[in-house]
Amino acid sequence: MNPSFYKKIYQKQQGIEQVPPNERIAGWANQLLQLLYPERSDSFPASADMVEKEFERLARELTILFEATRACGPCDHAEKARQFFDTVPELLRIMDTDIQAILAGDPAAQSQFEVIRAYPGFYAIAIFRIAHMLLQLDIPILPRILTEHAHSATGIDIHPGATIGEHFFIDHGTGIVIGETTVIGHHVKLYQGVTLGALSVDKSMANTKRHPTVEDHCIIYSGATILGGDTVIGHHSIVGGNVWLTRSIAPYSTVYHKPEIEVVDQQINL
């Protein structure tokens, strides 16, 4: 190849900030989850003092990640990390409600251990909640890296900017898309293939609500597509599989898609 090509690549590299690999960032979040949920780990701290030391270690690692990504400009990165870890007890409480929702709503769920260790829906929600809290602290880049890691691991795409209430249940989950300005209430259940998206994609809409609101106690079945920032799914509603919605529905509604399918039985004479 022409030497000018190599020079071009080198010059391009000079304009990019070096940051830790995504695997290290995701590894930090996984270590936090393993500390909060020992069901995800095969080794445990030997005492409460060791638990404290592990949290201190993770706080130092988060500080390093903040510094390496220039996460908040001239701010005190250690203080930002402390602010995040101050929220961890509340994060744990909320994630526990998600586990309760899965156990209560899935007949196949046999134990809390199974949900924590094996359910992709819980993992995607847990990583989202960590990422969302970082975003609430005005930390850029890291939240999106975390949710895209969960996306690649589970097939569940939740933007860290979405607002999601307690007792959230994702069943199966593959193919779910939850957009940045989505608002989801408490006790909501989504099945695989659900899209909570925007009616159109235009950069000028970056600071507007583009994605729907799903109020409390709603169930949205597989393949449903709900679009638009003004679209509100009223509380206690059921949206059936493969429904396409671009307008609001009242509380306690049931919306379903009625396919035209005809099965003709044919007798074969031998």
C-alpha atoms as a PDB file:
ATOM      1  CA  MET A   1       0.000   0.000   0.000  1.00  0.00           C
ATOM      2  CA  ASN A   2       0.983   3.610  -0.507  1.00  0.00           C
ATOM      3  CA  PRO A   3       3.013   5.056   2.419  1.00  0.00           C
ATOM      4  CA  SER A   4       0.581   7.970   2.566  1.00  0.00           C
ATOM      5  CA  PHE A   5      -2.074   5.480   3.689  1.00  0.00           C
ATOM      6  CA  TYR A   6      -0.015   4.528   6.764  1.00  0.00           C
ATOM      7  CA  LYS A   7       0.555   8.188   7.530  1.00  0.00           C
ATOM      8  CA  LYS A   8      -3.183   8.827   7.286  1.00  0.00           C
ATOM      9  CA  ILE A   9      -3.927   6.012   9.737  1.00  0.00           C
ATOM     10  CA  TYR A  10      -1.267   7.303  12.132  1.00  0.00           C
ATOM     11  CA  GLN A  11      -2.679  10.835  12.001  1.00  0.00           C
ATOM     12  CA  LYS A  12      -6.144   9.467  12.617  1.00  0.00           C
ATOM     13  CA  GLN A  13      -4.886   7.689  15.737  1.00  0.00           C
ATOM     14  CA  GLN A  14      -3.464  10.932  17.095  1.00  0.00           C
ATOM     15  CA  GLY A  15      -6.940  12.450  17.200  1.00  0.00           C
ATOM     16  CA  ILE A  16      -8.472   9.654  19.276  1.00  0.00           C
ATOM     17  CA  GLU A  17      -8.361   9.550  23.067  1.00  0.00           C
ATOM     18  CA  GLN A  18      -7.060   6.264  24.405  1.00  0.00           C
ATOM     19  CA  VAL A  19      -9.585   4.642  26.726  1.00  0.00           C
ATOM     20  CA  PRO A  20      -9.692   1.248  28.445  1.00  0.00           C
ATOM     21  CA  PRO A  21     -11.134  -1.573  26.336  1.00  0.00           C
ATOM     22  CA  ASN A  22     -14.850  -2.227  26.566  1.00  0.00           C
ATOM     23  CA  GLU A  23     -14.092  -5.598  28.175  1.00  0.00           C
ATOM     24  CA  ARG A  24     -12.476  -3.863  31.154  1.00  0.00           C
ATOM     25  CA  ILE A  25     -15.427  -1.511  31.570  1.00  0.00           C
ATOM     26  CA  ALA A  26     -17.934  -4.369  31.354  1.00  0.00           C
ATOM     27  CA  GLY A  27     -15.713  -6.392  33.698  1.00  0.00           C
ATOM     28  CA  TRP A  28     -16.024  -3.693  36.361  1.00  0.00           C
ATOM     29  CA  ALA A  29     -19.834  -3.849  36.152  1.00  0.00           C
ATOM     30  CA  ASN A  30     -19.804  -7.652  36.269  1.00  0.00           C
ATOM     31  CA  GLN A  31     -17.608  -7.583  39.378  1.00  0.00           C
ATOM     32  CA  LEU A  32     -20.056  -5.190  41.025  1.00  0.00           C
ATOM     33  CA  LEU A  33     -22.949  -7.525  40.218  1.00  0.00           C
ATOM     34  CA  GLN A  34     -20.994 -10.509  41.571  1.00  0.00           C
ATOM     35  CA  LEU A  35     -20.419  -8.631  44.823  1.00  0.00           C
ATOM     36  CA  LEU A  36     -24.079  -7.639  45.118  1.00  0.00           C
ATOM     37  CA  TYR A  37     -25.297 -11.062  43.994  1.00  0.00           C
ATOM     38  CA  PRO A  38     -22.885 -13.822  45.063  1.00  0.00           C
ATOM     39  CA  GLU A  39     -25.105 -16.205  43.066  1.00  0.00           C
ATOM     40  CA  ARG A  40     -23.179 -14.881  40.045  1.00  0.00           C
ATOM     41  CA  SER A  41     -19.776 -15.698  41.555  1.00  0.00           C
ATOM     42  CA  ASP A  42     -17.794 -18.769  42.566  1.00  0.00           C
ATOM     43  CA  SER A  43     -15.799 -17.056  45.316  1.00  0.00           C
ATOM     44  CA  PHE A  44     -16.962 -14.866  48.178  1.00  0.00           C
ATOM     45  CA  PRO A  45     -15.280 -12.398  50.573  1.00  0.00           C
ATOM     46  CA  ALA A  46     -14.372 -14.070  53.864  1.00  0.00           C
ATOM     47  CA  SER A  47     -15.804 -11.355  56.115  1.00  0.00           C
ATOM     48  CA  ALA A  48     -17.752  -8.096  56.190  1.00  0.00           C
ATOM     49  CA  ASP A  49     -14.411  -6.276  56.278  1.00  0.00           C
ATOM     50  CA  MET A  50     -13.430  -8.016  53.062  1.00  0.00           C
ATOM     51  CA  VAL A  51     -16.739  -6.988  51.484  1.00  0.00           C
ATOM     52  CA  GLU A  52     -15.934  -3.392  52.393  1.00  0.00           C
ATOM     53  CA  LYS A  53     -12.475  -3.709  50.868  1.00  0.00           C
ATOM     54  CA  GLU A  54     -13.962  -5.099  47.666  1.00  0.00           C
ATOM     55  CA  PHE A  55     -16.297  -2.105  47.386  1.00  0.00           C
ATOM     56  CA  GLU A  56     -13.335   0.204  47.980  1.00  0.00           C
ATOM     57  CA  ARG A  57     -11.398  -1.587  45.240  1.00  0.00           C
ATOM     58  CA  LEU A  58     -14.281  -1.224  42.791  1.00  0.00           C
ATOM     59  CA  ALA A  59     -14.580   2.475  43.685  1.00  0.00           C
ATOM     60  CA  ARG A  60     -10.885   2.951  42.891  1.00  0.00           C
ATOM     61  CA  GLU A  61     -11.321   1.104  39.606  1.00  0.00           C
ATOM     62  CA  LEU A  62     -14.300   3.299  38.711  1.00  0.00           C
ATOM     63  CA  THR A  63     -12.223   6.387  39.496  1.00  0.00           C
ATOM     64  CA  ILE A  64      -9.535   5.124  37.116  1.00  0.00           C
ATOM     65  CA  LEU A  65     -12.156   4.516  34.412  1.00  0.00           C
ATOM     66  CA  PHE A  66     -13.502   8.034  34.908  1.00  0.00           C
ATOM     67  CA  GLU A  67     -10.006   9.489  34.638  1.00  0.00           C
ATOM     68  CA  ALA A  68      -9.140   7.410  31.564  1.00  0.00           C
ATOM     69  CA  THR A  69     -12.300   8.477  29.728  1.00  0.00           C
ATOM     70  CA  ARG A  70     -12.229  12.089  30.993  1.00  0.00           C
ATOM     71  CA  ALA A  71     -15.732  11.308  32.147  1.00  0.00           C
ATOM     72  CA  CYS A  72     -16.579  14.642  33.710  1.00  0.00           C
ATOM     73  CA  GLY A  73     -13.931  17.065  32.505  1.00  0.00           C
ATOM     74  CA  PRO A  74     -12.253  18.884  35.381  1.00  0.00           C
ATOM     75  CA  CYS A  75     -14.466  17.339  38.073  1.00  0.00           C
ATOM     76  CA  ASP A  76     -13.202  15.269  41.013  1.00  0.00           C
ATOM     77  CA  HIS A  77     -13.334  11.734  39.604  1.00  0.00           C
ATOM     78  CA  ALA A  78     -12.957  10.108  43.018  1.00  0.00           C
ATOM     79  CA  GLU A  79     -15.886  12.156  44.319  1.00  0.00           C
ATOM     80  CA  LYS A  80     -17.997  11.116  41.329  1.00  0.00           C
ATOM     81  CA  ALA A  81     -17.167   7.481  42.035  1.00  0.00           C
ATOM     82  CA  ARG A  82     -18.127   7.986  45.693  1.00  0.00           C
ATOM     83  CA  GLN A  83     -21.446   9.507  44.603  1.00  0.00           C
ATOM     84  CA  PHE A  84     -22.143   6.450  42.471  1.00  0.00           C
ATOM     85  CA  PHE A  85     -21.378   4.020  45.287  1.00  0.00           C
ATOM     86  CA  ASP A  86     -23.631   6.018  47.611  1.00  0.00           C
ATOM     87  CA  THR A  87     -26.493   4.969  45.307  1.00  0.00           C
ATOM     88  CA  VAL A  88     -25.624   1.260  45.334  1.00  0.00           C
ATOM     89  CA  PRO A  89     -27.913   0.310  48.266  1.00  0.00           C
ATOM     90  CA  GLU A  90     -30.869   1.830  46.404  1.00  0.00           C
ATOM     91  CA  LEU A  91     -29.780   0.163  43.161  1.00  0.00           C
ATOM     92  CA  LEU A  92     -29.714  -3.181  44.974  1.00  0.00           C
ATOM     93  CA  ARG A  93     -33.186  -2.595  46.401  1.00  0.00           C
ATOM     94  CA  ILE A  94     -34.610  -1.818  42.950  1.00  0.00           C
ATOM     95  CA  MET A  95     -32.879  -4.779  41.299  1.00  0.00           C
ATOM     96  CA  ASP A  96     -34.312  -7.019  44.017  1.00  0.00           C
ATOM     97  CA  THR A  97     -37.806  -5.897  42.926  1.00  0.00           C
ATOM     98  CA  ASP A  98     -36.973  -6.996  39.376  1.00  0.00           C
ATOM     99  CA  ILE A  99     -36.028 -10.438  40.700  1.00  0.00           C
ATOM    100  CA  GLN A 100     -39.311 -10.580  42.620  1.00  0.00           C
ATOM    101  CA  ALA A 101     -41.229  -9.683  39.450  1.00  0.00           C
ATOM    102  CA  ILE A 102     -39.568 -12.491  37.495  1.00  0.00           C
ATOM    103  CA  LEU A 103     -40.164 -15.051  40.239  1.00  0.00           C
ATOM    104  CA  ALA A 104     -43.809 -13.996  40.570  1.00  0.00           C
ATOM    105  CA  GLY A 105     -44.501 -13.767  36.853  1.00  0.00           C
ATOM    106  CA  ASP A 106     -42.682 -16.696  35.269  1.00  0.00           C
ATOM    107  CA  PRO A 107     -44.020 -20.180  36.048  1.00  0.00           C
ATOM    108  CA  ALA A 108     -40.699 -21.615  34.847  1.00  0.00           C
ATOM    109  CA  ALA A 109     -38.637 -19.690  37.411  1.00  0.00           C
ATOM    110  CA  GLN A 110     -37.743 -22.129  40.188  1.00  0.00           C
ATOM    111  CA  SER A 111     -35.573 -19.996  42.458  1.00  0.00           C
ATOM    112  CA  GLN A 112     -33.912 -16.647  42.990  1.00  0.00           C
ATOM    113  CA  PHE A 113     -30.566 -18.308  42.262  1.00  0.00           C
ATOM    114  CA  GLU A 114     -31.803 -19.389  38.836  1.00  0.00           C
ATOM    115  CA  VAL A 115     -33.077 -15.909  37.984  1.00  0.00           C
ATOM    116  CA  ILE A 116     -29.862 -14.185  39.044  1.00  0.00           C
ATOM    117  CA  ARG A 117     -27.510 -16.688  37.469  1.00  0.00           C
ATOM    118  CA  ALA A 118     -29.315 -17.712  34.286  1.00  0.00           C
ATOM    119  CA  TYR A 119     -31.932 -15.178  33.179  1.00  0.00           C
ATOM    120  CA  PRO A 120     -30.733 -12.838  30.398  1.00  0.00           C
ATOM    121  CA  GLY A 121     -33.611 -10.474  31.153  1.00  0.00           C
ATOM    122  CA  PHE A 122     -32.393  -9.890  34.691  1.00  0.00           C
ATOM    123  CA  TYR A 123     -28.805  -9.383  33.527  1.00  0.00           C
ATOM    124  CA  ALA A 124     -29.840  -6.826  30.902  1.00  0.00           C
ATOM    125  CA  ILE A 125     -31.984  -4.943  33.436  1.00  0.00           C
ATOM    126  CA  ALA A 126     -29.241  -4.968  36.083  1.00  0.00           C
ATOM    127  CA  ILE A 127     -26.604  -3.610  33.687  1.00  0.00           C
ATOM    128  CA  PHE A 128     -29.119  -0.999  32.510  1.00  0.00           C
ATOM    129  CA  ARG A 129     -29.758   0.148  36.074  1.00  0.00           C
ATOM    130  CA  ILE A 130     -26.024   0.579  36.720  1.00  0.00           C
ATOM    131  CA  ALA A 131     -25.593   2.431  33.424  1.00  0.00           C
ATOM    132  CA  HIS A 132     -28.633   4.630  34.038  1.00  0.00           C
ATOM    133  CA  MET A 133     -27.318   5.694  37.434  1.00  0.00           C
ATOM    134  CA  LEU A 134     -23.965   6.630  35.891  1.00  0.00           C
ATOM    135  CA  LEU A 135     -25.830   8.687  33.293  1.00  0.00           C
ATOM    136  CA  GLN A 136     -27.794  10.389  36.074  1.00  0.00           C
ATOM    137  CA  LEU A 137     -24.421  11.503  37.440  1.00  0.00           C
ATOM    138  CA  ASP A 138     -23.622  13.066  34.031  1.00  0.00           C
ATOM    139  CA  ILE A 139     -21.052  10.415  33.157  1.00  0.00           C
ATOM    140  CA  PRO A 140     -20.824  10.012  29.356  1.00  0.00           C
ATOM    141  CA  ILE A 141     -19.629   7.083  27.215  1.00  0.00           C
ATOM    142  CA  LEU A 142     -19.425   4.454  29.994  1.00  0.00           C
ATOM    143  CA  PRO A 143     -23.221   3.989  30.291  1.00  0.00           C
ATOM    144  CA  ARG A 144     -23.598   3.297  26.570  1.00  0.00           C
ATOM    145  CA  ILE A 145     -20.638   0.912  26.555  1.00  0.00           C
ATOM    146  CA  LEU A 146     -22.256  -1.025  29.408  1.00  0.00           C
ATOM    147  CA  THR A 147     -25.709  -1.319  27.824  1.00  0.00           C
ATOM    148  CA  GLU A 148     -24.206  -2.282  24.458  1.00  0.00           C
ATOM    149  CA  HIS A 149     -22.232  -4.989  26.240  1.00  0.00           C
ATOM    150  CA  ALA A 150     -25.490  -6.313  27.712  1.00  0.00           C
ATOM    151  CA  HIS A 151     -27.074  -5.994  24.268  1.00  0.00           C
ATOM    152  CA  SER A 152     -24.389  -8.165  22.701  1.00  0.00           C
ATOM    153  CA  ALA A 153     -24.659 -10.705  25.516  1.00  0.00           C
ATOM    154  CA  THR A 154     -28.469 -10.961  25.646  1.00  0.00           C
ATOM    155  CA  GLY A 155     -29.968  -9.504  22.461  1.00  0.00           C
ATOM    156  CA  ILE A 156     -31.804  -6.965  24.638  1.00  0.00           C
ATOM    157  CA  ASP A 157     -31.174  -3.330  23.660  1.00  0.00           C
ATOM    158  CA  ILE A 158     -31.990  -0.827  26.439  1.00  0.00           C
ATOM    159  CA  HIS A 159     -30.691   2.714  26.084  1.00  0.00           C
ATOM    160  CA  PRO A 160     -29.208   3.943  29.389  1.00  0.00           C
ATOM    161  CA  GLY A 161     -31.277   7.126  29.116  1.00  0.00           C
ATOM    162  CA  ALA A 162     -34.611   5.282  29.397  1.00  0.00           C
ATOM    163  CA  THR A 163     -36.588   5.646  32.625  1.00  0.00           C
ATOM    164  CA  ILE A 164     -37.790   2.309  34.030  1.00  0.00           C
ATOM    165  CA  GLY A 165     -39.737   1.743  37.226  1.00  0.00           C
ATOM    166  CA  GLU A 166     -39.536  -1.028  39.787  1.00  0.00           C
ATOM    167  CA  HIS A 167     -40.636  -4.672  39.405  1.00  0.00           C
ATOM    168  CA  PHE A 168     -39.637  -4.731  35.720  1.00  0.00           C
ATOM    169  CA  PHE A 169     -39.897  -8.128  34.020  1.00  0.00           C
ATOM    170  CA  ILE A 170     -38.412  -9.047  30.656  1.00  0.00           C
ATOM    171  CA  ASP A 171     -39.501 -12.549  29.604  1.00  0.00           C
ATOM    172  CA  HIS A 172     -37.215 -14.289  27.092  1.00  0.00           C
ATOM    173  CA  GLY A 173     -36.168 -10.879  25.842  1.00  0.00           C
ATOM    174  CA  THR A 174     -34.298 -11.455  22.588  1.00  0.00           C
ATOM    175  CA  GLY A 175     -34.909  -8.589  20.161  1.00  0.00           C
ATOM    176  CA  ILE A 176     -36.354  -6.108  22.662  1.00  0.00           C
ATOM    177  CA  VAL A 177     -35.515  -2.466  21.871  1.00  0.00           C
ATOM    178  CA  ILE A 178     -36.161   0.313  24.416  1.00  0.00           C
ATOM    179  CA  GLY A 179     -35.295   3.791  23.153  1.00  0.00           C
ATOM    180  CA  GLU A 180     -33.550   6.621  24.957  1.00  0.00           C
ATOM    181  CA  THR A 181     -36.595   8.681  26.006  1.00  0.00           C
ATOM    182  CA  THR A 182     -38.872   5.752  26.830  1.00  0.00           C
ATOM    183  CA  VAL A 183     -40.655   5.976  30.173  1.00  0.00           C
ATOM    184  CA  ILE A 184     -41.799   2.701  31.764  1.00  0.00           C
ATOM    185  CA  GLY A 185     -43.763   2.567  34.998  1.00  0.00           C
ATOM    186  CA  HIS A 186     -43.843  -0.034  37.764  1.00  0.00           C
ATOM    187  CA  HIS A 187     -44.835  -3.693  37.370  1.00  0.00           C
ATOM    188  CA  VAL A 188     -44.440  -3.785  33.584  1.00  0.00           C
ATOM    189  CA  LYS A 189     -43.786  -6.999  31.659  1.00  0.00           C
ATOM    190  CA  LEU A 190     -42.284  -7.177  28.150  1.00  0.00           C
ATOM    191  CA  TYR A 191     -41.894 -10.219  25.946  1.00  0.00           C
ATOM    192  CA  GLN A 192     -39.342 -10.872  23.205  1.00  0.00           C
ATOM    193  CA  GLY A 193     -39.255  -8.713  20.099  1.00  0.00           C
ATOM    194  CA  VAL A 194     -41.010  -5.676  21.611  1.00  0.00           C
ATOM    195  CA  THR A 195     -39.932  -2.302  20.209  1.00  0.00           C
ATOM    196  CA  LEU A 196     -40.502   0.929  22.117  1.00  0.00           C
ATOM    197  CA  GLY A 197     -39.202   3.283  19.477  1.00  0.00           C
ATOM    198  CA  ALA A 198     -39.434   6.612  17.675  1.00  0.00           C
ATOM    199  CA  LEU A 199     -41.790   7.429  14.828  1.00  0.00           C
ATOM    200  CA  SER A 200     -38.939   8.981  12.876  1.00  0.00           C
ATOM    201  CA  VAL A 201     -35.195   9.367  13.239  1.00  0.00           C
ATOM    202  CA  ASP A 202     -34.021  12.953  12.851  1.00  0.00           C
ATOM    203  CA  LYS A 203     -31.004  14.524  14.537  1.00  0.00           C
ATOM    204  CA  SER A 204     -33.013  17.688  15.217  1.00  0.00           C
ATOM    205  CA  MET A 205     -35.154  15.624  17.653  1.00  0.00           C
ATOM    206  CA  ALA A 206     -32.198  14.756  19.881  1.00  0.00           C
ATOM    207  CA  ASN A 207     -33.525  16.770  22.836  1.00  0.00           C
ATOM    208  CA  THR A 208     -37.200  15.861  22.485  1.00  0.00           C
ATOM    209  CA  LYS A 209     -39.199  12.904  23.794  1.00  0.00           C
ATOM    210  CA  ARG A 210     -39.254  10.510  20.855  1.00  0.00           C
ATOM    211  CA  HIS A 211     -40.234   7.225  22.507  1.00  0.00           C
ATOM    212  CA  PRO A 212     -43.447   6.050  24.174  1.00  0.00           C
ATOM    213  CA  THR A 213     -44.607   5.997  27.781  1.00  0.00           C
ATOM    214  CA  VAL A 214     -45.829   2.711  29.269  1.00  0.00           C
ATOM    215  CA  GLU A 215     -47.710   3.202  32.513  1.00  0.00           C
ATOM    216  CA  ASP A 216     -47.901   0.857  35.511  1.00  0.00           C
ATOM    217  CA  HIS A 217     -49.051  -2.773  35.355  1.00  0.00           C
ATOM    218  CA  CYS A 218     -48.917  -3.177  31.574  1.00  0.00           C
ATOM    219  CA  ILE A 219     -48.101  -6.324  29.617  1.00  0.00           C
ATOM    220  CA  ILE A 220     -46.722  -6.086  26.078  1.00  0.00           C
ATOM    221  CA  TYR A 221     -46.536  -9.349  24.166  1.00  0.00           C
ATOM    222  CA  SER A 222     -43.965 -10.528  21.647  1.00  0.00           C
ATOM    223  CA  GLY A 223     -43.399  -8.643  18.433  1.00  0.00           C
ATOM    224  CA  ALA A 224     -45.415  -5.566  19.404  1.00  0.00           C
ATOM    225  CA  THR A 225     -44.136  -2.234  18.068  1.00  0.00           C
ATOM    226  CA  ILE A 226     -45.067   0.970  19.898  1.00  0.00           C
ATOM    227  CA  LEU A 227     -43.753   4.228  18.485  1.00  0.00           C
ATOM    228  CA  GLY A 228     -43.765   7.944  19.221  1.00  0.00           C
ATOM    229  CA  GLY A 229     -43.021  10.309  22.069  1.00  0.00           C
ATOM    230  CA  ASP A 230     -46.672  11.265  22.472  1.00  0.00           C
ATOM    231  CA  THR A 231     -47.846   7.652  22.609  1.00  0.00           C
ATOM    232  CA  VAL A 232     -48.999   6.599  26.084  1.00  0.00           C
ATOM    233  CA  ILE A 233     -50.021   3.060  26.997  1.00  0.00           C
ATOM    234  CA  GLY A 234     -52.474   3.526  29.846  1.00  0.00           C
ATOM    235  CA  HIS A 235     -51.986   1.631  33.070  1.00  0.00           C
ATOM    236  CA  HIS A 236     -53.204  -1.958  33.386  1.00  0.00           C
ATOM    237  CA  SER A 237     -53.348  -2.345  29.589  1.00  0.00           C
ATOM    238  CA  ILE A 238     -52.470  -5.414  27.529  1.00  0.00           C
ATOM    239  CA  VAL A 239     -50.895  -5.069  24.104  1.00  0.00           C
ATOM    240  CA  GLY A 240     -51.020  -8.285  22.115  1.00  0.00           C
ATOM    241  CA  GLY A 241     -48.394  -9.856  19.915  1.00  0.00           C
ATOM    242  CA  ASN A 242     -47.464  -8.189  16.596  1.00  0.00           C
ATOM    243  CA  VAL A 243     -49.540  -5.085  17.321  1.00  0.00           C
ATOM    244  CA  TRP A 244     -48.359  -1.846  15.674  1.00  0.00           C
ATOM    245  CA  LEU A 245     -49.276   1.232  17.742  1.00  0.00           C
ATOM    246  CA  THR A 246     -48.562   4.892  17.045  1.00  0.00           C
ATOM    247  CA  ARG A 247     -51.266   6.434  19.226  1.00  0.00           C
ATOM    248  CA  SER A 248     -52.207   6.380  22.886  1.00  0.00           C
ATOM    249  CA  ILE A 249     -54.594   3.921  24.473  1.00  0.00           C
ATOM    250  CA  ALA A 250     -56.656   4.408  27.616  1.00  0.00           C
ATOM    251  CA  PRO A 251     -56.008   2.586  30.899  1.00  0.00           C
ATOM    252  CA  TYR A 252     -57.321  -0.983  31.096  1.00  0.00           C
ATOM    253  CA  SER A 253     -57.286  -1.350  27.288  1.00  0.00           C
ATOM    254  CA  THR A 254     -56.677  -4.592  25.449  1.00  0.00           C
ATOM    255  CA  VAL A 255     -55.217  -4.239  21.973  1.00  0.00           C
ATOM    256  CA  TYR A 256     -54.651  -7.200  19.709  1.00  0.00           C
ATOM    257  CA  HIS A 257     -53.716  -7.980  16.129  1.00  0.00           C
ATOM    258  CA  LYS A 258     -56.231 -10.104  14.229  1.00  0.00           C
ATOM    259  CA  PRO A 259     -54.405 -12.012  11.505  1.00  0.00           C
ATOM    260  CA  GLU A 260     -56.228 -13.499   8.571  1.00  0.00           C
ATOM    261  CA  ILE A 261     -55.036 -17.080   8.759  1.00  0.00           C
ATOM    262  CA  GLU A 262     -56.993 -19.964   7.290  1.00  0.00           C
ATOM    263  CA  VAL A 263     -56.088 -23.602   7.740  1.00  0.00           C
ATOM    264  CA  VAL A 264     -57.602 -26.045   5.257  1.00  0.00           C
ATOM    265  CA  ASP A 265     -57.532 -29.722   6.190  1.00  0.00           C
ATOM    266  CA  GLN A 266     -57.195 -31.978   3.182  1.00  0.00           C
ATOM    267  CA  GLN A 267     -57.980 -35.645   3.188  1.00  0.00           C
ATOM    268  CA  ILE A 268     -55.680 -37.804   1.143  1.00  0.00           C
ATOM    269  CA  ASN A 269     -57.200 -40.934  -0.342  1.00  0.00           C
ATOM    270  CA  LEU A 270     -54.671 -43.745  -0.558  1.00  0.00           C
END
